[in-house]
Amino acid sequence: MPYKTFLGLPENIVAALCYPVGWLSGLFFLLLERKNKFVRFHAMQSILLFMPLALFIFLVAWIPVIGWFIADGAGMAAMLLILIPMYMAFRGSKFKIPIIGQIAYNFAYGE
């Protein structure tokens, strides 16, 4: 039986929902879910992955012409970065993205 969350949904579905809207959905579920460590891990990983990426895209987009191409490329890469951890969370995996995954794991599980 899958573990329940604050919303009453299985934890793998809520963990997967931490990724589609980038750091905003991660922040939403981090603030909403207080007890489920699996969901908190994926929410923090989403924040740590997409907040710097969104800031980078925003700042680079201010550079005329070449910045627009770089921002578009980074945005397309971000779409791929949404799908992979979202799928792994749906499968129930604690998929750690290098560097930030360990930080998120330490935050959620306190080790």
Protein backbone atom coordinates (compact mmCIF):
# COMPACT_ATOMS: atom_id res chain seq x y z
CA MET A 1 0.00 0.00 0.00
CA PRO A 2 1.52 3.35 -0.99
CA TYR A 3 2.02 5.95 1.69
CA LYS A 4 -0.52 8.74 1.83
CA THR A 5 0.23 12.42 1.86
CA PHE A 6 -1.48 15.50 3.23
CA LEU A 7 -3.63 15.64 0.09
CA GLY A 8 -4.68 12.01 0.45
CA LEU A 9 -2.92 11.00 -2.78
CA PRO A 10 -0.18 8.36 -3.08
CA GLU A 11 3.27 9.79 -2.41
CA ASN A 12 4.65 8.93 -5.86
CA ILE A 13 1.99 11.04 -7.58
CA VAL A 14 2.54 14.03 -5.29
CA ALA A 15 6.33 13.69 -5.69
CA ALA A 16 5.94 13.70 -9.48
CA LEU A 17 3.76 16.81 -9.24
CA CYS A 18 6.70 18.67 -7.63
CA TYR A 19 8.32 19.09 -11.06
CA PRO A 20 5.87 20.26 -13.80
CA VAL A 21 5.81 23.95 -12.87
CA GLY A 22 9.48 24.05 -11.91
CA TRP A 23 10.49 25.59 -8.61
CA LEU A 24 6.98 26.95 -7.98
CA SER A 25 5.41 23.50 -7.74
CA GLY A 26 8.34 22.34 -5.61
CA LEU A 27 7.84 25.25 -3.22
CA PHE A 28 4.09 24.63 -3.09
CA PHE A 29 4.49 20.99 -2.07
CA LEU A 30 7.39 21.73 0.27
CA LEU A 31 5.19 24.15 2.21
CA LEU A 32 2.12 21.91 2.03
CA GLU A 33 3.64 18.53 2.90
CA ARG A 34 5.17 18.47 6.36
CA LYS A 35 5.50 14.74 7.16
CA ASN A 36 6.22 12.75 4.03
CA LYS A 37 9.99 12.75 3.52
CA PHE A 38 9.82 11.32 -0.01
CA VAL A 39 7.66 14.22 -1.20
CA ARG A 40 9.81 16.76 0.68
CA PHE A 41 12.94 15.34 -0.99
CA HIS A 42 11.50 15.74 -4.49
CA ALA A 43 10.08 19.18 -3.67
CA MET A 44 13.47 20.44 -2.46
CA GLN A 45 15.25 18.87 -5.42
CA SER A 46 12.84 20.65 -7.75
CA ILE A 47 13.52 23.99 -6.06
CA LEU A 48 17.29 23.52 -6.12
CA LEU A 49 17.25 22.50 -9.76
CA PHE A 50 14.84 24.96 -11.32
CA MET A 51 15.30 28.16 -9.31
CA PRO A 52 18.91 28.75 -10.44
CA LEU A 53 17.99 27.63 -13.95
CA ALA A 54 15.07 30.08 -14.11
CA LEU A 55 17.29 32.87 -12.81
CA PHE A 56 19.95 32.02 -15.42
CA ILE A 57 17.40 32.03 -18.25
CA PHE A 58 15.93 35.33 -17.04
CA LEU A 59 19.33 37.04 -16.85
CA VAL A 60 20.67 35.67 -20.14
CA ALA A 61 17.50 36.65 -21.99
CA TRP A 62 18.38 40.32 -21.40
CA ILE A 63 21.39 39.97 -23.73
CA PRO A 64 20.26 40.95 -27.23
CA VAL A 65 20.14 38.25 -29.95
CA ILE A 66 22.72 35.74 -28.66
CA GLY A 67 21.16 35.75 -25.19
CA TRP A 68 17.80 34.91 -26.69
CA PHE A 69 19.22 31.82 -28.38
CA ILE A 70 20.98 30.74 -25.20
CA ALA A 71 17.82 31.27 -23.16
CA ASP A 72 15.78 29.27 -25.67
CA GLY A 73 18.27 26.41 -25.56
CA ALA A 74 18.33 26.44 -21.76
CA GLY A 75 14.52 26.46 -21.73
CA MET A 76 14.37 23.42 -23.97
CA ALA A 77 16.89 21.65 -21.75
CA ALA A 78 14.75 22.56 -18.75
CA MET A 79 11.78 20.83 -20.36
CA LEU A 80 13.83 17.62 -20.53
CA LEU A 81 14.96 18.18 -16.95
CA ILE A 82 11.31 18.30 -15.94
CA LEU A 83 10.42 14.98 -17.54
CA ILE A 84 13.24 12.79 -16.23
CA PRO A 85 12.94 13.45 -12.47
CA MET A 86 9.16 13.56 -12.77
CA TYR A 87 9.13 10.06 -14.26
CA MET A 88 11.59 8.76 -11.68
CA ALA A 89 9.49 10.21 -8.83
CA PHE A 90 6.38 8.61 -10.28
CA ARG A 91 8.18 5.26 -10.27
CA GLY A 92 8.91 5.76 -6.57
CA SER A 93 12.65 6.26 -6.97
CA LYS A 94 14.79 8.62 -4.90
CA PHE A 95 16.60 9.70 -8.05
CA LYS A 96 19.34 12.11 -6.99
CA ILE A 97 20.49 14.71 -9.49
CA PRO A 98 24.26 15.16 -9.01
CA ILE A 99 25.23 17.64 -6.26
CA ILE A 100 21.75 19.06 -5.56
CA GLY A 101 20.24 15.61 -5.03
CA GLN A 102 22.43 15.01 -2.00
CA ILE A 103 21.58 18.43 -0.57
CA ALA A 104 17.86 17.72 -1.02
CA TYR A 105 18.26 14.26 0.52
CA ASN A 106 20.02 15.69 3.57
CA PHE A 107 17.27 18.29 3.91
CA ALA A 108 14.42 15.78 3.73
CA TYR A 109 15.90 12.85 5.62
CA GLY A 110 18.15 14.79 7.98
CA GLU A 111 21.29 12.73 7.49
